[in-house]
Amino acid sequence: MESTTFGNVPNTFGNPSNNDGVLNKTTAGAHAAVNTVAEAADGAARKAKPAIDQVAAMAHQAVEKAAASAAPAADWLGEKSADLNATQKKLVADTSAYVAANPLMSVGLAVLAGFLISRMMRS
């Protein structure tokens, strides 16, 4: 085939040129660079894995210790909650019984308490 030029650019359709060699060298260099970076990343990951595993194990132990410490506190709160709930129910039942037995005295005490509270709020 013959080579023709258009302006300053030669037309080399079908002719092997020096551009193919440059392209192959550039591609090979890029592949080598990628392989080097990948190998470095793999090496870093291999070196970091034991440290990461150690940190994960320490975190797991810390969570287990916290859970072991919190369990008795949660049990204690559960017990106290039940006691408080029972005390509240008894107080409401006793108050209801007193109000039912002494309605006028209950109203008088409520009015007095309201008056005292309003005086304290104004001061």
C-alpha atoms as a PDB file:
ATOM      1  CA  MET A   1       0.000   0.000   0.000  1.00  0.00           C
ATOM      2  CA  GLU A   2       1.076   3.449  -0.493  1.00  0.00           C
ATOM      3  CA  SER A   3       1.382   6.128   2.096  1.00  0.00           C
ATOM      4  CA  THR A   4      -0.318   9.449   1.477  1.00  0.00           C
ATOM      5  CA  THR A   5      -0.180  12.620   3.471  1.00  0.00           C
ATOM      6  CA  PHE A   6      -2.996  14.936   4.381  1.00  0.00           C
ATOM      7  CA  GLY A   7      -1.515  18.143   5.623  1.00  0.00           C
ATOM      8  CA  ASN A   8       1.380  17.246   7.918  1.00  0.00           C
ATOM      9  CA  VAL A   9      -0.031  13.865   9.062  1.00  0.00           C
ATOM     10  CA  PRO A  10       0.953  10.798   7.057  1.00  0.00           C
ATOM     11  CA  ASN A  11      -1.734   8.217   6.342  1.00  0.00           C
ATOM     12  CA  THR A  12      -0.389   4.758   7.186  1.00  0.00           C
ATOM     13  CA  PHE A  13      -3.474   2.579   6.926  1.00  0.00           C
ATOM     14  CA  GLY A  14      -2.386  -1.048   6.739  1.00  0.00           C
ATOM     15  CA  ASN A  15       1.275  -0.282   7.294  1.00  0.00           C
ATOM     16  CA  PRO A  16       2.885  -1.289  10.559  1.00  0.00           C
ATOM     17  CA  SER A  17       4.341   1.766  12.138  1.00  0.00           C
ATOM     18  CA  ASN A  18       6.495   2.760  15.005  1.00  0.00           C
ATOM     19  CA  ASN A  19       3.332   3.788  16.916  1.00  0.00           C
ATOM     20  CA  ASP A  20       2.457   0.116  17.573  1.00  0.00           C
ATOM     21  CA  GLY A  21       5.769  -0.454  19.340  1.00  0.00           C
ATOM     22  CA  VAL A  22       5.349   2.634  21.479  1.00  0.00           C
ATOM     23  CA  LEU A  23       1.795   1.589  22.354  1.00  0.00           C
ATOM     24  CA  ASN A  24       2.947  -1.916  23.330  1.00  0.00           C
ATOM     25  CA  LYS A  25       5.751  -0.529  25.485  1.00  0.00           C
ATOM     26  CA  THR A  26       3.377   1.916  27.174  1.00  0.00           C
ATOM     27  CA  THR A  27       0.818  -0.814  27.830  1.00  0.00           C
ATOM     28  CA  ALA A  28       3.486  -3.132  29.232  1.00  0.00           C
ATOM     29  CA  GLY A  29       4.762  -0.344  31.480  1.00  0.00           C
ATOM     30  CA  ALA A  30       1.262   0.407  32.733  1.00  0.00           C
ATOM     31  CA  HIS A  31       0.643  -3.281  33.465  1.00  0.00           C
ATOM     32  CA  ALA A  32       3.946  -3.502  35.320  1.00  0.00           C
ATOM     33  CA  ALA A  33       3.066  -0.439  37.398  1.00  0.00           C
ATOM     34  CA  VAL A  34      -0.370  -1.848  38.237  1.00  0.00           C
ATOM     35  CA  ASN A  35       1.182  -5.195  39.202  1.00  0.00           C
ATOM     36  CA  THR A  36       3.726  -3.438  41.422  1.00  0.00           C
ATOM     37  CA  VAL A  37       1.028  -1.434  43.190  1.00  0.00           C
ATOM     38  CA  ALA A  38      -1.151  -4.542  43.595  1.00  0.00           C
ATOM     39  CA  GLU A  39       1.753  -6.504  45.084  1.00  0.00           C
ATOM     40  CA  ALA A  40       2.518  -3.644  47.478  1.00  0.00           C
ATOM     41  CA  ALA A  41      -1.134  -3.493  48.536  1.00  0.00           C
ATOM     42  CA  ASP A  42      -1.232  -7.262  49.076  1.00  0.00           C
ATOM     43  CA  GLY A  43       1.946  -7.070  51.162  1.00  0.00           C
ATOM     44  CA  ALA A  44       0.540  -4.252  53.261  1.00  0.00           C
ATOM     45  CA  ALA A  45      -2.692  -6.173  53.773  1.00  0.00           C
ATOM     46  CA  ARG A  46      -0.770  -9.286  54.855  1.00  0.00           C
ATOM     47  CA  LYS A  47       1.247  -7.208  57.330  1.00  0.00           C
ATOM     48  CA  ALA A  48      -1.824  -5.389  58.686  1.00  0.00           C
ATOM     49  CA  LYS A  49      -4.028  -8.482  59.089  1.00  0.00           C
ATOM     50  CA  PRO A  50      -2.476  -9.686  62.388  1.00  0.00           C
ATOM     51  CA  ALA A  51      -2.796  -6.205  63.909  1.00  0.00           C
ATOM     52  CA  ILE A  52      -6.406  -5.914  62.733  1.00  0.00           C
ATOM     53  CA  ASP A  53      -7.186  -9.370  64.131  1.00  0.00           C
ATOM     54  CA  GLN A  54      -5.604  -8.406  67.468  1.00  0.00           C
ATOM     55  CA  VAL A  55      -7.603  -5.167  67.674  1.00  0.00           C
ATOM     56  CA  ALA A  56     -10.805  -7.043  66.807  1.00  0.00           C
ATOM     57  CA  ALA A  57     -10.095  -9.612  69.536  1.00  0.00           C
ATOM     58  CA  MET A  58      -9.448  -6.852  72.080  1.00  0.00           C
ATOM     59  CA  ALA A  59     -12.678  -5.092  71.107  1.00  0.00           C
ATOM     60  CA  HIS A  60     -14.575  -8.368  71.446  1.00  0.00           C
ATOM     61  CA  GLN A  61     -13.120  -8.900  74.931  1.00  0.00           C
ATOM     62  CA  ALA A  62     -14.040  -5.347  75.933  1.00  0.00           C
ATOM     63  CA  VAL A  63     -17.633  -5.874  74.808  1.00  0.00           C
ATOM     64  CA  GLU A  64     -17.824  -9.157  76.705  1.00  0.00           C
ATOM     65  CA  LYS A  65     -16.481  -7.496  79.880  1.00  0.00           C
ATOM     66  CA  ALA A  66     -18.955  -4.628  79.544  1.00  0.00           C
ATOM     67  CA  ALA A  67     -21.833  -7.051  79.049  1.00  0.00           C
ATOM     68  CA  ALA A  68     -20.707  -9.109  82.058  1.00  0.00           C
ATOM     69  CA  SER A  69     -20.526  -5.958  84.187  1.00  0.00           C
ATOM     70  CA  ALA A  70     -23.884  -4.642  82.990  1.00  0.00           C
ATOM     71  CA  ALA A  71     -25.792  -7.881  83.589  1.00  0.00           C
ATOM     72  CA  PRO A  72     -25.878  -7.614  87.414  1.00  0.00           C
ATOM     73  CA  ALA A  73     -26.830  -3.933  87.201  1.00  0.00           C
ATOM     74  CA  ALA A  74     -29.652  -4.760  84.815  1.00  0.00           C
ATOM     75  CA  ASP A  75     -30.867  -7.513  87.134  1.00  0.00           C
ATOM     76  CA  TRP A  76     -30.760  -5.141  90.122  1.00  0.00           C
ATOM     77  CA  LEU A  77     -32.692  -2.488  88.201  1.00  0.00           C
ATOM     78  CA  GLY A  78     -35.243  -5.095  87.169  1.00  0.00           C
ATOM     79  CA  GLU A  79     -35.751  -6.116  90.785  1.00  0.00           C
ATOM     80  CA  LYS A  80     -36.006  -2.515  91.992  1.00  0.00           C
ATOM     81  CA  SER A  81     -38.402  -1.713  89.179  1.00  0.00           C
ATOM     82  CA  ALA A  82     -40.724  -4.453  90.315  1.00  0.00           C
ATOM     83  CA  ASP A  83     -40.491  -3.208  93.922  1.00  0.00           C
ATOM     84  CA  LEU A  84     -41.188   0.386  92.861  1.00  0.00           C
ATOM     85  CA  ASN A  85     -44.141  -0.691  90.747  1.00  0.00           C
ATOM     86  CA  ALA A  86     -45.602  -2.623  93.678  1.00  0.00           C
ATOM     87  CA  THR A  87     -45.091   0.360  96.016  1.00  0.00           C
ATOM     88  CA  GLN A  88     -46.797   2.695  93.540  1.00  0.00           C
ATOM     89  CA  LYS A  89     -49.813   0.399  93.219  1.00  0.00           C
ATOM     90  CA  LYS A  90     -50.105   0.134  97.016  1.00  0.00           C
ATOM     91  CA  LEU A  91     -49.878   3.925  97.411  1.00  0.00           C
ATOM     92  CA  VAL A  92     -52.606   4.502  94.800  1.00  0.00           C
ATOM     93  CA  ALA A  93     -54.848   1.870  96.411  1.00  0.00           C
ATOM     94  CA  ASP A  94     -54.336   3.336  99.915  1.00  0.00           C
ATOM     95  CA  THR A  95     -55.008   6.887  98.668  1.00  0.00           C
ATOM     96  CA  SER A  96     -58.158   5.783  96.853  1.00  0.00           C
ATOM     97  CA  ALA A  97     -59.391   4.034  99.990  1.00  0.00           C
ATOM     98  CA  TYR A  98     -58.708   7.115 102.162  1.00  0.00           C
ATOM     99  CA  VAL A  99     -60.482   9.458  99.707  1.00  0.00           C
ATOM    100  CA  ALA A 100     -63.469   7.112  99.578  1.00  0.00           C
ATOM    101  CA  ALA A 101     -63.618   6.913 103.394  1.00  0.00           C
ATOM    102  CA  ASN A 102     -63.068  10.688 104.007  1.00  0.00           C
ATOM    103  CA  PRO A 103     -64.287  12.697 101.005  1.00  0.00           C
ATOM    104  CA  LEU A 104     -64.687  16.087 102.740  1.00  0.00           C
ATOM    105  CA  MET A 105     -61.317  15.860 104.474  1.00  0.00           C
ATOM    106  CA  SER A 106     -59.677  14.894 101.135  1.00  0.00           C
ATOM    107  CA  VAL A 107     -61.181  17.914  99.350  1.00  0.00           C
ATOM    108  CA  GLY A 108     -60.099  20.198 102.196  1.00  0.00           C
ATOM    109  CA  LEU A 109     -56.534  18.844 102.071  1.00  0.00           C
ATOM    110  CA  ALA A 110     -56.452  19.254  98.291  1.00  0.00           C
ATOM    111  CA  VAL A 111     -57.602  22.896  98.535  1.00  0.00           C
ATOM    112  CA  LEU A 112     -55.031  23.617 101.257  1.00  0.00           C
ATOM    113  CA  ALA A 113     -52.235  21.975  99.243  1.00  0.00           C
ATOM    114  CA  GLY A 114     -53.216  23.969  96.133  1.00  0.00           C
ATOM    115  CA  PHE A 115     -53.237  27.214  98.115  1.00  0.00           C
ATOM    116  CA  LEU A 116     -49.787  26.522  99.602  1.00  0.00           C
ATOM    117  CA  ILE A 117     -48.321  25.568  96.242  1.00  0.00           C
ATOM    118  CA  SER A 118     -49.704  28.727  94.577  1.00  0.00           C
ATOM    119  CA  ARG A 119     -48.183  30.872  97.379  1.00  0.00           C
ATOM    120  CA  MET A 120     -44.816  29.208  96.935  1.00  0.00           C
ATOM    121  CA  MET A 121     -44.929  29.732  93.148  1.00  0.00           C
ATOM    122  CA  ARG A 122     -45.638  33.466  93.519  1.00  0.00           C
ATOM    123  CA  SER A 123     -42.663  34.053  95.841  1.00  0.00           C
END
